[in-house]
Structure formats: structure tokens, C-alpha cells
C-alpha atoms as a PDB file:
ATOM      1  CA  MET A   1      90.159  62.704 109.363  1.00  0.00           C
ATOM      2  CA  GLN A   2      91.333  65.581 109.379  1.00  0.00           C
ATOM      3  CA  GLU A   3      94.917  63.764 108.632  1.00  0.00           C
ATOM      4  CA  MET A   4      93.698  61.633 105.675  1.00  0.00           C
ATOM      5  CA  GLN A   5      92.404  65.346 104.613  1.00  0.00           C
ATOM      6  CA  GLU A   6      95.749  66.812 104.028  1.00  0.00           C
ATOM      7  CA  MET A   7      97.688  64.195 102.688  1.00  0.00           C
ATOM      8  CA  GLN A   8      95.311  65.029  99.877  1.00  0.00           C
ATOM      9  CA  GLN A   9      95.676  67.924  99.843  1.00  0.00           C
ATOM     10  CA  MET A  10      99.241  70.386  98.659  1.00  0.00           C
ATOM     11  CA  PRO A  11     100.591  72.127 102.026  1.00  0.00           C
ATOM     12  CA  SER A  12      99.841  76.160 101.627  1.00  0.00           C
ATOM     13  CA  GLY A  13     102.839  77.024 102.989  1.00  0.00           C
ATOM     14  CA  ILE A  14     105.071  76.373 106.406  1.00  0.00           C
ATOM     15  CA  CYS A  15     106.052  78.459 109.477  1.00  0.00           C
ATOM     16  CA  ASP A  16     109.337  80.016 109.385  1.00  0.00           C
ATOM     17  CA  SER A  17     110.025  79.297 113.058  1.00  0.00           C
ATOM     18  CA  CYS A  18     108.862  75.149 112.951  1.00  0.00           C
ATOM     19  CA  SER A  19     108.559  73.309 109.139  1.00  0.00           C
ATOM     20  CA  LYS A  20     104.559  73.042 109.888  1.00  0.00           C
ATOM     21  CA  SER A  21     103.001  72.753 107.298  1.00  0.00           C
ATOM     22  CA  PHE A  22     100.219  74.911 106.395  1.00  0.00           C
ATOM     23  CA  PHE A  23      96.340  73.536 104.380  1.00  0.00           C
ATOM     24  CA  LYS A  24      93.204  75.266 103.089  1.00  0.00           C
ATOM     25  CA  ASN A  25      91.150  76.442 106.861  1.00  0.00           C
ATOM     26  CA  TYR A  26      94.792  76.485 108.814  1.00  0.00           C
ATOM     27  CA  TYR A  27      95.432  79.694 110.944  1.00  0.00           C
ATOM     28  CA  ARG A  28      98.991  81.253 110.608  1.00  0.00           C
ATOM     29  CA  LEU A  29     100.374  84.867 111.635  1.00  0.00           C
ATOM     30  CA  LYS A  30     100.993  86.110 108.563  1.00  0.00           C
ATOM     31  CA  GLN A  31     103.429  89.183 107.756  1.00  0.00           C
ATOM     32  CA  VAL A  32     100.918  91.853 105.931  1.00  0.00           C
ATOM     33  CA  SER A  33     103.384  95.097 106.530  1.00  0.00           C
ATOM     34  CA  ASN A  34     106.374  95.547 103.350  1.00  0.00           C
ATOM     35  CA  GLU A  35     109.370  95.183 104.238  1.00  0.00           C
ATOM     36  CA  CYS A  36     109.632  92.829 101.708  1.00  0.00           C
ATOM     37  CA  HIS A  37     108.473  91.078  98.300  1.00  0.00           C
ATOM     38  CA  ASP A  38     105.985  88.428  98.760  1.00  0.00           C
ATOM     39  CA  LEU A  39     108.859  85.939  98.289  1.00  0.00           C
ATOM     40  CA  PHE A  40     109.954  86.853 101.321  1.00  0.00           C
ATOM     41  CA  LYS A  41     106.864  87.395 103.528  1.00  0.00           C
ATOM     42  CA  LEU A  42     106.688  85.890 106.628  1.00  0.00           C
ATOM     43  CA  GLU A  43     104.281  82.972 108.318  1.00  0.00           C
ATOM     44  CA  PHE A  44     103.690  81.719 111.749  1.00  0.00           C
ATOM     45  CA  CYS A  45     101.656  78.621 113.152  1.00  0.00           C
ATOM     46  CA  ASN A  46     101.699  80.907 116.520  1.00  0.00           C
ATOM     47  CA  SER A  47     102.613  83.621 118.068  1.00  0.00           C
ATOM     48  CA  THR A  48     105.451  81.013 119.513  1.00  0.00           C
ATOM     49  CA  CYS A  49     107.073  80.783 117.034  1.00  0.00           C
ATOM     50  CA  LEU A  50     106.958  84.364 115.660  1.00  0.00           C
ATOM     51  CA  LYS A  51     108.938  85.247 119.045  1.00  0.00           C
ATOM     52  CA  ASN A  52     111.705  82.095 118.909  1.00  0.00           C
ATOM     53  CA  ILE A  53     112.618  83.297 115.820  1.00  0.00           C
ATOM     54  CA  GLU A  54     112.289  87.818 117.006  1.00  0.00           C
ATOM     55  CA  LYS A  55     114.553  86.307 119.893  1.00  0.00           C
ATOM     56  CA  ASP A  56     117.544  85.985 117.071  1.00  0.00           C
ATOM     57  CA  TYR A  57     116.323  88.401 114.335  1.00  0.00           C
ATOM     58  CA  PRO A  58     115.390  91.621 117.069  1.00  0.00           C
ATOM     59  CA  PHE A  59     113.735  93.244 113.883  1.00  0.00           C
ATOM     60  CA  ILE A  60     111.483  91.117 112.854  1.00  0.00           C
ATOM     61  CA  LYS A  61     109.525  92.848 115.640  1.00  0.00           C
ATOM     62  CA  ASP A  62     108.906  96.450 113.757  1.00  0.00           C
ATOM     63  CA  PHE A  63     107.084  93.856 111.246  1.00  0.00           C
ATOM     64  CA  GLU A  64     103.652  93.944 111.357  1.00  0.00           C
ATOM     65  CA  PHE A  65     101.657  90.003 111.094  1.00  0.00           C
ATOM     66  CA  LYS A  66      97.914  89.683 111.269  1.00  0.00           C
ATOM     67  CA  ASN A  67      96.584  86.196 112.325  1.00  0.00           C
ATOM     68  CA  ILE A  68      94.698  84.982 108.544  1.00  0.00           C
ATOM     69  CA  GLN A  69      92.659  82.041 107.538  1.00  0.00           C
ATOM     70  CA  ILE A  70      93.753  80.048 104.190  1.00  0.00           C
ATOM     71  CA  THR A  71      90.774  80.326 102.325  1.00  0.00           C
ATOM     72  CA  LYS A  72      92.414  78.288  99.406  1.00  0.00           C
ATOM     73  CA  GLU A  73      94.039  75.590  98.201  1.00  0.00           C
ATOM     74  CA  ALA A  74      97.539  74.924  97.198  1.00  0.00           C
ATOM     75  CA  LYS A  75      97.886  75.184  93.263  1.00  0.00           C
ATOM     76  CA  ILE A  76     100.461  72.657  91.289  1.00  0.00           C
ATOM     77  CA  PHE A  77     102.503  75.581  89.429  1.00  0.00           C
ATOM     78  CA  GLY A  78     102.082  74.495  85.666  1.00  0.00           C
ATOM     79  CA  SER A  79      98.373  72.621  85.992  1.00  0.00           C
ATOM     80  CA  ASP A  80      95.529  72.798  83.586  1.00  0.00           C
ATOM     81  CA  SER A  81      92.819  73.805  86.311  1.00  0.00           C
ATOM     82  CA  ASP A  82      90.968  77.172  86.097  1.00  0.00           C
ATOM     83  CA  SER A  83      93.107  79.164  87.346  1.00  0.00           C
ATOM     84  CA  ASP A  84      93.532  83.619  87.665  1.00  0.00           C
ATOM     85  CA  SER A  85      95.560  85.388  85.205  1.00  0.00           C
ATOM     86  CA  ASP A  86      96.734  87.205  87.487  1.00  0.00           C
ATOM     87  CA  SER A  87      98.184  85.335  89.729  1.00  0.00           C
ATOM     88  CA  ASP A  88      99.653  82.657  87.102  1.00  0.00           C
ATOM     89  CA  SER A  89     101.896  85.271  85.856  1.00  0.00           C
ATOM     90  CA  GLU A  90     102.356  86.391  89.570  1.00  0.00           C
ATOM     91  CA  SER A  91     103.622  82.776  90.773  1.00  0.00           C
ATOM     92  CA  GLU A  92     105.747  82.799  87.627  1.00  0.00           C
ATOM     93  CA  PHE A  93     107.406  86.147  88.478  1.00  0.00           C
ATOM     94  CA  GLN A  94     107.879  84.610  91.723  1.00  0.00           C
ATOM     95  CA  SER A  95     109.547  81.777  90.262  1.00  0.00           C
ATOM     96  CA  ASP A  96     111.888  83.052  88.309  1.00  0.00           C
ATOM     97  CA  LEU A  97     113.067  85.542  91.153  1.00  0.00           C
ATOM     98  CA  PHE A  98     113.666  82.594  93.418  1.00  0.00           C
ATOM     99  CA  ASN A  99     115.228  80.511  90.489  1.00  0.00           C
ATOM    100  CA  THR A 100     117.460  83.688  89.291  1.00  0.00           C
ATOM    101  CA  LEU A 101     118.991  84.149  93.820  1.00  0.00           C
ATOM    102  CA  VAL A 102     119.300  80.242  93.904  1.00  0.00           C
ATOM    103  CA  MET A 103     121.644  80.507  90.199  1.00  0.00           C
ATOM    104  CA  ASN A 104     124.187  83.288  90.737  1.00  0.00           C
ATOM    105  CA  TYR A 105     124.101  84.709  94.816  1.00  0.00           C
ATOM    106  CA  GLN A 106     124.117  80.973  95.991  1.00  0.00           C
ATOM    107  CA  ASN A 107     125.585  82.455  99.047  1.00  0.00           C
ATOM    108  CA  VAL A 108     123.086  84.327  99.323  1.00  0.00           C
ATOM    109  CA  VAL A 109     120.522  81.474  99.908  1.00  0.00           C
ATOM    110  CA  PHE A 110     121.773  78.373 100.533  1.00  0.00           C
ATOM    111  CA  ASP A 111     123.794  77.946 103.876  1.00  0.00           C
ATOM    112  CA  PHE A 112     126.788  75.836 103.299  1.00  0.00           C
ATOM    113  CA  SER A 113     128.069  74.649 106.781  1.00  0.00           C
ATOM    114  CA  ASN A 114     126.987  71.444 107.153  1.00  0.00           C
ATOM    115  CA  ASN A 115     128.745  70.976 103.775  1.00  0.00           C
ATOM    116  CA  ILE A 116     125.099  69.998 102.945  1.00  0.00           C
ATOM    117  CA  PRO A 117     123.610  72.811 101.035  1.00  0.00           C
ATOM    118  CA  ASN A 118     120.298  73.934 102.909  1.00  0.00           C
ATOM    119  CA  ILE A 119     118.553  76.502 101.843  1.00  0.00           C
ATOM    120  CA  LYS A 120     118.435  79.748 104.598  1.00  0.00           C
ATOM    121  CA  LYS A 121     114.826  81.181 105.516  1.00  0.00           C
ATOM    122  CA  SER A 122     113.003  84.419 104.190  1.00  0.00           C
ATOM    123  CA  TYR A 123     114.464  86.520 107.242  1.00  0.00           C
ATOM    124  CA  GLN A 124     118.544  85.186 106.855  1.00  0.00           C
ATOM    125  CA  ILE A 125     118.385  86.717 103.731  1.00  0.00           C
ATOM    126  CA  TYR A 126     116.629  89.614 104.817  1.00  0.00           C
ATOM    127  CA  GLU A 127     119.063  90.558 107.594  1.00  0.00           C
ATOM    128  CA  TYR A 128     121.620  89.134 105.037  1.00  0.00           C
ATOM    129  CA  TYR A 129     121.034  92.723 102.775  1.00  0.00           C
ATOM    130  CA  TYR A 130     119.829  95.033 105.617  1.00  0.00           C
ATOM    131  CA  ASN A 131     123.454  94.528 106.856  1.00  0.00           C
ATOM    132  CA  LEU A 132     125.322  94.527 103.097  1.00  0.00           C
ATOM    133  CA  LYS A 133     123.048  97.984 102.961  1.00  0.00           C
ATOM    134  CA  LYS A 134     123.651  99.205 106.826  1.00  0.00           C
ATOM    135  CA  ASN A 135     127.887  97.709 105.676  1.00  0.00           C
ATOM    136  CA  ASN A 136     127.528  96.017 108.911  1.00  0.00           C
ATOM    137  CA  VAL A 137     129.946  93.399 106.908  1.00  0.00           C
ATOM    138  CA  ARG A 138     133.947  93.697 106.906  1.00  0.00           C
ATOM    139  CA  GLU A 139     134.272  93.461 102.875  1.00  0.00           C
ATOM    140  CA  ILE A 140     131.589  93.864 100.454  1.00  0.00           C
ATOM    141  CA  THR A 141     132.692  92.334  97.541  1.00  0.00           C
ATOM    142  CA  GLU A 142     131.715  92.650  94.022  1.00  0.00           C
ATOM    143  CA  LYS A 143     128.480  89.367  94.202  1.00  0.00           C
ATOM    144  CA  ASP A 144     127.567  91.187  96.813  1.00  0.00           C
ATOM    145  CA  LYS A 145     126.959  94.399  94.660  1.00  0.00           C
ATOM    146  CA  TYR A 146     125.121  92.742  92.138  1.00  0.00           C
ATOM    147  CA  PHE A 147     123.078  91.124  94.861  1.00  0.00           C
ATOM    148  CA  LEU A 148     122.344  94.287  95.590  1.00  0.00           C
ATOM    149  CA  LYS A 149     121.420  96.236  93.025  1.00  0.00           C
ATOM    150  CA  PHE A 150     119.536  92.727  91.791  1.00  0.00           C
ATOM    151  CA  ALA A 151     117.832  92.947  94.976  1.00  0.00           C
ATOM    152  CA  ASP A 152     117.172  96.581  95.324  1.00  0.00           C
ATOM    153  CA  ARG A 153     115.822  96.888  91.213  1.00  0.00           C
ATOM    154  CA  TYR A 154     113.229  93.720  91.707  1.00  0.00           C
ATOM    155  CA  ASN A 155     112.095  96.306  94.995  1.00  0.00           C
ATOM    156  CA  LEU A 156     112.465  92.280  96.681  1.00  0.00           C
ATOM    157  CA  PHE A 157     113.276  94.292 100.921  1.00  0.00           C
ATOM    158  CA  ASN A 158     111.799  97.861 102.232  1.00  0.00           C
ATOM    159  CA  ILE A 159     114.451  99.100 104.781  1.00  0.00           C
ATOM    160  CA  ASN A 160     113.562 102.946 105.423  1.00  0.00           C
ATOM    161  CA  LYS A 161     114.703 102.819 108.676  1.00  0.00           C
END
């Protein structure tokens, strides 16, 4: 029965570790601390998935997570259903931000290691930004400098540590 209901719903998110889909009434661990813009906030289906990512990305241990239930069904962007205009404008802003990242900073957003572009996870993009900010890279290119300016302009990441 639950599987049938899920097939009729749009997922409200996915686990940043195992890629399990989240639907209305599911509980998930959601990042509530402000290390990044909402577009990059992490979600995990359980503490095991969170710990699996923390092994390779130890900075995530500093993030705060809460077990939160999804109370709304996912909304299809641009649908004519009754909606909150503030929520719509925020969704549109996030969509514009992501489109700008995809169009202008493909090296940041995509992993080309297998000759097939795969979208990087939020924590991988955060780590890339962090390493650029802390000069933990061999060479910062002009494209990297533009990415840093873009990320700072839109407060994509907060690294005050």
C-alpha cells in the first residue's frame, strides 16, 4: 500500500549518502545549522548514512542535524496549484542559482572522472569551496576566483572556522 502511494507522489528529497527517496510523512536527518545556503543543506535517511559520509568528509561533524518529518508533498515547480508566493520565489531563486552554477562552473558541479558527467554531492562542492578559501589547492585559476566571488556574493557557504 505504501509503495503505491509513493509511486503517486514526487519525492521530497533524497538521502545524500544512499540516494533513498524521501516522501511525505518520512523522517530524515536534516541539516539545520547555517554552514551553507538551503540549496546545499544535507539530508540523510538515518544516522548510519550520516556517519558514512562523515568518514570521508570530517567537517560535516561540525554541522547540526535534526530528525524532522516531511509534512508536505513535493511541489512540481511551475505548477498552477495553490501555493505560497514567497515559497515560489525562493524556489525560483534556488533554481536560478543552481542553473548559474551548472552553466558557469561545470568543474565545480560535475564529476567528469568516468567520462560521464555526474552531479557532485553538496558536501563535495562545500569541500571544494572550503579548500579554495583556505588555499588548500595547488593553484587557484581565474575560474576558481569567479566561483569564489559568486559563492560569496550569494552566501552559498559560511566558513567562519
